[in-house]
């Protein structure tokens, strides 16, 4: 079984998702459901660390980062041995490459 480690930024992302849905959209039940769905998907990585697609398969990013889709959200992670590091959880329509890599990804693709 793999050990799943959730980075502080990813923890913050989950809190932001919960707060946005709960506060801005005024739907506490949907907020809890969305976060529960994401965490359930993350738990699957304990048994199937390579389940997610490589980020390089959908971008020019030269990275070991992988991702899973959970509803409208993308879970970004990398694997090191038997450790799975959850790096970020981002809304799928967000410019996630810029969030993950800053302007360096822009330079690679231009």
C-alpha atoms as a PDB file:
ATOM      1  CA  UNK A   1       0.000   0.000   0.000  1.00  0.00           C
ATOM      2  CA  UNK A   2       1.268   3.440  -0.921  1.00  0.00           C
ATOM      3  CA  UNK A   3       1.484   6.293   1.535  1.00  0.00           C
ATOM      4  CA  UNK A   4      -0.468   9.369   0.403  1.00  0.00           C
ATOM      5  CA  UNK A   5       0.924  12.719   1.535  1.00  0.00           C
ATOM      6  CA  UNK A   6      -1.206  15.820   0.942  1.00  0.00           C
ATOM      7  CA  UNK A   7       0.909  18.963   0.539  1.00  0.00           C
ATOM      8  CA  UNK A   8      -0.115  22.130   2.394  1.00  0.00           C
ATOM      9  CA  UNK A   9      -1.053  23.823  -0.911  1.00  0.00           C
ATOM     10  CA  UNK A  10      -3.364  20.930  -1.777  1.00  0.00           C
ATOM     11  CA  UNK A  11      -4.911  21.097   1.697  1.00  0.00           C
ATOM     12  CA  UNK A  12      -5.485  24.802   1.103  1.00  0.00           C
ATOM     13  CA  UNK A  13      -7.019  24.038  -2.291  1.00  0.00           C
ATOM     14  CA  UNK A  14      -9.521  21.658  -0.669  1.00  0.00           C
ATOM     15  CA  UNK A  15     -10.462  24.302   1.890  1.00  0.00           C
ATOM     16  CA  UNK A  16     -10.902  26.904  -0.864  1.00  0.00           C
ATOM     17  CA  UNK A  17     -13.121  24.525  -2.842  1.00  0.00           C
ATOM     18  CA  UNK A  18     -15.251  23.825   0.218  1.00  0.00           C
ATOM     19  CA  UNK A  19     -15.499  27.497   1.150  1.00  0.00           C
ATOM     20  CA  UNK A  20     -16.303  28.663  -2.376  1.00  0.00           C
ATOM     21  CA  UNK A  21     -19.123  26.177  -2.873  1.00  0.00           C
ATOM     22  CA  UNK A  22     -20.437  26.654   0.651  1.00  0.00           C
ATOM     23  CA  UNK A  23     -20.147  30.444   0.923  1.00  0.00           C
ATOM     24  CA  UNK A  24     -20.300  31.823  -2.617  1.00  0.00           C
ATOM     25  CA  UNK A  25     -22.734  29.294  -4.038  1.00  0.00           C
ATOM     26  CA  UNK A  26     -24.615  28.934  -0.738  1.00  0.00           C
ATOM     27  CA  UNK A  27     -24.627  25.135  -0.916  1.00  0.00           C
ATOM     28  CA  UNK A  28     -23.018  23.473   2.094  1.00  0.00           C
ATOM     29  CA  UNK A  29     -24.216  19.995   1.120  1.00  0.00           C
ATOM     30  CA  UNK A  30     -22.655  20.292  -2.346  1.00  0.00           C
ATOM     31  CA  UNK A  31     -19.420  21.570  -0.789  1.00  0.00           C
ATOM     32  CA  UNK A  32     -19.174  18.531   1.476  1.00  0.00           C
ATOM     33  CA  UNK A  33     -20.044  16.206  -1.403  1.00  0.00           C
ATOM     34  CA  UNK A  34     -17.414  17.723  -3.727  1.00  0.00           C
ATOM     35  CA  UNK A  35     -14.624  17.488  -1.151  1.00  0.00           C
ATOM     36  CA  UNK A  36     -15.679  13.938  -0.187  1.00  0.00           C
ATOM     37  CA  UNK A  37     -15.597  12.897  -3.853  1.00  0.00           C
ATOM     38  CA  UNK A  38     -12.106  14.360  -4.283  1.00  0.00           C
ATOM     39  CA  UNK A  39     -10.753  12.714  -1.120  1.00  0.00           C
ATOM     40  CA  UNK A  40     -12.260   9.371  -2.160  1.00  0.00           C
ATOM     41  CA  UNK A  41     -10.404   9.620  -5.468  1.00  0.00           C
ATOM     42  CA  UNK A  42      -7.190  10.491  -3.615  1.00  0.00           C
ATOM     43  CA  UNK A  43      -7.571   7.403  -1.394  1.00  0.00           C
ATOM     44  CA  UNK A  44      -7.628   5.187  -4.496  1.00  0.00           C
ATOM     45  CA  UNK A  45      -3.996   6.210  -5.043  1.00  0.00           C
ATOM     46  CA  UNK A  46      -3.046   4.170  -1.959  1.00  0.00           C
ATOM     47  CA  UNK A  47      -3.597   1.050  -4.063  1.00  0.00           C
ATOM     48  CA  UNK A  48      -3.166   2.380  -7.612  1.00  0.00           C
ATOM     49  CA  UNK A  49      -0.526   5.119  -7.613  1.00  0.00           C
ATOM     50  CA  UNK A  50      -0.130   5.196 -11.388  1.00  0.00           C
ATOM     51  CA  UNK A  51      -3.859   5.394 -12.064  1.00  0.00           C
ATOM     52  CA  UNK A  52      -3.720   9.022 -13.184  1.00  0.00           C
ATOM     53  CA  UNK A  53      -2.603  10.153 -16.600  1.00  0.00           C
ATOM     54  CA  UNK A  54       0.838  11.718 -16.999  1.00  0.00           C
ATOM     55  CA  UNK A  55       0.547  15.498 -17.324  1.00  0.00           C
ATOM     56  CA  UNK A  56       2.968  15.274 -20.256  1.00  0.00           C
ATOM     57  CA  UNK A  57       0.270  13.350 -22.175  1.00  0.00           C
ATOM     58  CA  UNK A  58      -1.908  16.484 -22.393  1.00  0.00           C
ATOM     59  CA  UNK A  59       0.694  19.269 -22.417  1.00  0.00           C
ATOM     60  CA  UNK A  60       4.256  20.124 -23.318  1.00  0.00           C
ATOM     61  CA  UNK A  61       5.196  20.001 -19.642  1.00  0.00           C
ATOM     62  CA  UNK A  62       8.345  18.025 -18.997  1.00  0.00           C
ATOM     63  CA  UNK A  63       7.260  16.712 -15.630  1.00  0.00           C
ATOM     64  CA  UNK A  64       6.664  13.522 -13.666  1.00  0.00           C
ATOM     65  CA  UNK A  65       3.385  15.044 -12.487  1.00  0.00           C
ATOM     66  CA  UNK A  66       0.249  12.955 -12.987  1.00  0.00           C
ATOM     67  CA  UNK A  67      -3.405  13.925 -12.626  1.00  0.00           C
ATOM     68  CA  UNK A  68      -6.812  12.498 -11.857  1.00  0.00           C
ATOM     69  CA  UNK A  69     -10.162  14.014 -12.734  1.00  0.00           C
ATOM     70  CA  UNK A  70     -12.769  14.305 -10.003  1.00  0.00           C
ATOM     71  CA  UNK A  71     -15.866  16.045 -11.313  1.00  0.00           C
ATOM     72  CA  UNK A  72     -14.854  19.603 -12.230  1.00  0.00           C
ATOM     73  CA  UNK A  73     -11.523  19.315 -10.410  1.00  0.00           C
ATOM     74  CA  UNK A  74      -8.073  18.014 -11.259  1.00  0.00           C
ATOM     75  CA  UNK A  75      -5.892  16.315  -8.656  1.00  0.00           C
ATOM     76  CA  UNK A  76      -2.189  16.786  -9.435  1.00  0.00           C
ATOM     77  CA  UNK A  77       0.311  14.436  -7.846  1.00  0.00           C
ATOM     78  CA  UNK A  78       3.657  12.744  -8.244  1.00  0.00           C
ATOM     79  CA  UNK A  79       4.969   9.386  -7.115  1.00  0.00           C
ATOM     80  CA  UNK A  80       8.301   8.736  -5.431  1.00  0.00           C
ATOM     81  CA  UNK A  81       8.747   5.061  -4.606  1.00  0.00           C
ATOM     82  CA  UNK A  82       5.783   4.042  -2.467  1.00  0.00           C
ATOM     83  CA  UNK A  83       4.944   7.652  -1.565  1.00  0.00           C
ATOM     84  CA  UNK A  84       2.236   9.543  -3.448  1.00  0.00           C
ATOM     85  CA  UNK A  85       2.449  13.318  -3.029  1.00  0.00           C
ATOM     86  CA  UNK A  86      -0.750  15.260  -3.702  1.00  0.00           C
ATOM     87  CA  UNK A  87       0.556  18.610  -4.935  1.00  0.00           C
ATOM     88  CA  UNK A  88      -2.549  20.593  -5.916  1.00  0.00           C
ATOM     89  CA  UNK A  89      -6.296  20.238  -6.428  1.00  0.00           C
ATOM     90  CA  UNK A  90      -7.490  22.776  -8.995  1.00  0.00           C
ATOM     91  CA  UNK A  91     -10.673  23.673 -10.816  1.00  0.00           C
ATOM     92  CA  UNK A  92     -10.469  22.111 -14.276  1.00  0.00           C
ATOM     93  CA  UNK A  93     -11.169  25.320 -16.197  1.00  0.00           C
ATOM     94  CA  UNK A  94      -8.422  27.193 -14.419  1.00  0.00           C
ATOM     95  CA  UNK A  95      -5.092  27.791 -16.186  1.00  0.00           C
ATOM     96  CA  UNK A  96      -3.594  24.909 -14.231  1.00  0.00           C
ATOM     97  CA  UNK A  97      -0.318  24.812 -16.170  1.00  0.00           C
ATOM     98  CA  UNK A  98       0.430  28.392 -15.157  1.00  0.00           C
ATOM     99  CA  UNK A  99      -0.536  27.631 -11.549  1.00  0.00           C
ATOM    100  CA  UNK A 100       1.707  24.553 -11.477  1.00  0.00           C
ATOM    101  CA  UNK A 101       4.687  25.850 -13.441  1.00  0.00           C
ATOM    102  CA  UNK A 102       4.382  29.637 -13.592  1.00  0.00           C
ATOM    103  CA  UNK A 103       5.645  31.290 -16.750  1.00  0.00           C
ATOM    104  CA  UNK A 104       8.207  28.546 -17.412  1.00  0.00           C
ATOM    105  CA  UNK A 105       5.624  26.420 -19.209  1.00  0.00           C
ATOM    106  CA  UNK A 106       4.790  29.347 -21.486  1.00  0.00           C
ATOM    107  CA  UNK A 107       8.436  29.570 -22.523  1.00  0.00           C
ATOM    108  CA  UNK A 108       8.544  25.848 -23.306  1.00  0.00           C
ATOM    109  CA  UNK A 109       5.487  25.973 -25.556  1.00  0.00           C
ATOM    110  CA  UNK A 110       6.302  29.154 -27.489  1.00  0.00           C
END
